[in-house]
C-alpha atoms as a PDB file:
ATOM      1  CA  MET A   1      -0.012   0.018  -0.010  1.00  0.00           C
ATOM      2  CA  THR A   2       1.397   3.221  -1.109  1.00  0.00           C
ATOM      3  CA  GLU A   3       1.624   6.453   1.285  1.00  0.00           C
ATOM      4  CA  LEU A   4      -1.167   8.144  -0.432  1.00  0.00           C
ATOM      5  CA  GLU A   5      -3.482   4.982  -0.158  1.00  0.00           C
ATOM      6  CA  VAL A   6      -2.727   4.959   3.742  1.00  0.00           C
ATOM      7  CA  LEU A   7      -3.428   8.715   3.984  1.00  0.00           C
ATOM      8  CA  ALA A   8      -6.625   8.193   1.870  1.00  0.00           C
ATOM      9  CA  ARG A   9      -7.703   5.605   4.292  1.00  0.00           C
ATOM     10  CA  SER A  10      -6.981   7.809   7.262  1.00  0.00           C
ATOM     11  CA  ILE A  11      -9.043  10.650   5.645  1.00  0.00           C
ATOM     12  CA  ASN A  12     -11.804   8.122   5.222  1.00  0.00           C
ATOM     13  CA  GLY A  13     -11.699   7.005   8.740  1.00  0.00           C
ATOM     14  CA  LEU A  14     -11.455  10.703  10.244  1.00  0.00           C
ATOM     15  CA  THR A  15     -14.567  11.523   8.130  1.00  0.00           C
ATOM     16  CA  GLU A  16     -16.578   8.762   9.480  1.00  0.00           C
ATOM     17  CA  LEU A  17     -15.555   9.463  13.108  1.00  0.00           C
ATOM     18  CA  LEU A  18     -16.689  12.927  12.534  1.00  0.00           C
ATOM     19  CA  ARG A  19     -19.941  11.671  11.266  1.00  0.00           C
ATOM     20  CA  VAL A  20     -20.570   9.501  14.330  1.00  0.00           C
ATOM     21  CA  ALA A  21     -19.401  12.251  16.682  1.00  0.00           C
ATOM     22  CA  ARG A  22     -21.955  14.570  15.047  1.00  0.00           C
ATOM     23  CA  ASN A  23     -24.697  11.989  15.306  1.00  0.00           C
ATOM     24  CA  ASP A  24     -23.907  11.592  19.033  1.00  0.00           C
ATOM     25  CA  LEU A  25     -24.673  15.369  19.432  1.00  0.00           C
ATOM     26  CA  ALA A  26     -28.026  14.611  18.263  1.00  0.00           C
ATOM     27  CA  ASN A  27     -28.681  12.363  21.251  1.00  0.00           C
ATOM     28  CA  PRO A  28     -31.086  14.158  23.504  1.00  0.00           C
ATOM     29  CA  THR A  29     -30.133  12.122  26.684  1.00  0.00           C
ATOM     30  CA  LEU A  30     -26.346  13.432  26.608  1.00  0.00           C
ATOM     31  CA  THR A  31     -25.279  15.116  29.679  1.00  0.00           C
ATOM     32  CA  PRO A  32     -23.498  18.482  29.408  1.00  0.00           C
ATOM     33  CA  LEU A  33     -20.135  16.854  30.191  1.00  0.00           C
ATOM     34  CA  GLU A  34     -20.862  14.101  27.388  1.00  0.00           C
ATOM     35  CA  ARG A  35     -21.716  16.907  25.091  1.00  0.00           C
ATOM     36  CA  ARG A  36     -18.774  18.769  25.753  1.00  0.00           C
ATOM     37  CA  GLU A  37     -16.613  15.695  25.249  1.00  0.00           C
ATOM     38  CA  ALA A  38     -18.293  15.208  21.836  1.00  0.00           C
ATOM     39  CA  TYR A  39     -17.500  18.807  20.870  1.00  0.00           C
ATOM     40  CA  HIS A  40     -13.872  18.139  21.821  1.00  0.00           C
ATOM     41  CA  GLN A  41     -13.781  15.018  19.741  1.00  0.00           C
ATOM     42  CA  ILE A  42     -15.180  16.756  16.821  1.00  0.00           C
ATOM     43  CA  ASP A  43     -12.441  19.587  17.199  1.00  0.00           C
ATOM     44  CA  ARG A  44      -9.785  16.968  17.441  1.00  0.00           C
ATOM     45  CA  TYR A  45     -11.027  14.998  14.443  1.00  0.00           C
ATOM     46  CA  SER A  46     -11.472  18.074  12.366  1.00  0.00           C
ATOM     47  CA  VAL A  47      -7.878  19.226  13.102  1.00  0.00           C
ATOM     48  CA  ASP A  48      -6.386  15.936  12.174  1.00  0.00           C
ATOM     49  CA  LEU A  49      -8.632  15.698   8.990  1.00  0.00           C
ATOM     50  CA  ARG A  50      -7.489  19.217   7.914  1.00  0.00           C
ATOM     51  CA  ARG A  51      -3.767  18.174   8.349  1.00  0.00           C
ATOM     52  CA  HIS A  52      -4.067  14.916   6.442  1.00  0.00           C
ATOM     53  CA  LEU A  53      -6.033  16.835   3.662  1.00  0.00           C
ATOM     54  CA  LEU A  54      -3.290  19.346   3.489  1.00  0.00           C
ATOM     55  CA  VAL A  55      -0.606  16.629   3.371  1.00  0.00           C
ATOM     56  CA  MET A  56      -2.670  14.913   0.581  1.00  0.00           C
ATOM     57  CA  GLU A  57      -2.952  18.160  -1.581  1.00  0.00           C
ATOM     58  CA  ALA A  58       0.759  18.825  -1.194  1.00  0.00           C
ATOM     59  CA  GLU A  59       1.609  15.311  -2.310  1.00  0.00           C
ATOM     60  CA  ARG A  60      -0.672  15.694  -5.295  1.00  0.00           C
ATOM     61  CA  ARG A  61       0.915  19.038  -6.323  1.00  0.00           C
ATOM     62  CA  ARG A  62       4.380  17.559  -5.933  1.00  0.00           C
ATOM     63  CA  VAL A  63       3.307  14.556  -8.441  1.00  0.00           C
ATOM     64  CA  ARG A  64       1.836  17.124 -10.795  1.00  0.00           C
ATOM     65  CA  ARG A  65       4.903  19.266 -10.761  1.00  0.00           C
ATOM     66  CA  GLN A  66       7.113  16.308 -11.419  1.00  0.00           C
ATOM     67  CA  SER A  67       5.069  14.991 -14.202  1.00  0.00           C
ATOM     68  CA  PHE A  68       5.028  18.568 -15.587  1.00  0.00           C
ATOM     69  CA  PHE A  69       8.765  18.989 -15.344  1.00  0.00           C
ATOM     70  CA  GLY A  70       9.331  15.377 -16.537  1.00  0.00           C
ATOM     71  CA  ALA A  71       7.245  15.896 -19.509  1.00  0.00           C
ATOM     72  CA  ARG A  72       9.140  19.190 -20.507  1.00  0.00           C
ATOM     73  CA  VAL A  73      12.470  17.308 -19.997  1.00  0.00           C
ATOM     74  CA  ASP A  74      11.323  14.639 -22.263  1.00  0.00           C
ATOM     75  CA  ALA A  75      10.184  17.137 -24.894  1.00  0.00           C
ATOM     76  CA  GLN A  76      13.558  18.847 -24.768  1.00  0.00           C
ATOM     77  CA  VAL A  77      15.221  15.551 -25.189  1.00  0.00           C
ATOM     78  CA  THR A  78      13.306  14.652 -28.089  1.00  0.00           C
ATOM     79  CA  LEU A  79      13.674  18.046 -29.793  1.00  0.00           C
ATOM     80  CA  THR A  80      17.419  18.051 -29.371  1.00  0.00           C
ATOM     81  CA  GLY A  81      17.982  14.321 -29.644  1.00  0.00           C
END
């Protein structure tokens, strides 16, 4: 499994955790303490998800940049070769 696949799985897992935590907030029997803890979980998961998404975007940019510059180098070699 590549690093991007692991990252994608983590993103999917965090998204699911956020969904569950938000559903927990809809429970009318939650005590104020439990509700506060659910909000804290959502905050933590959101920060982690944001970080993972930024890493994913940076990796995609890097791959695009490599393929762009790789294509330019290949074109120059073809033209001069």
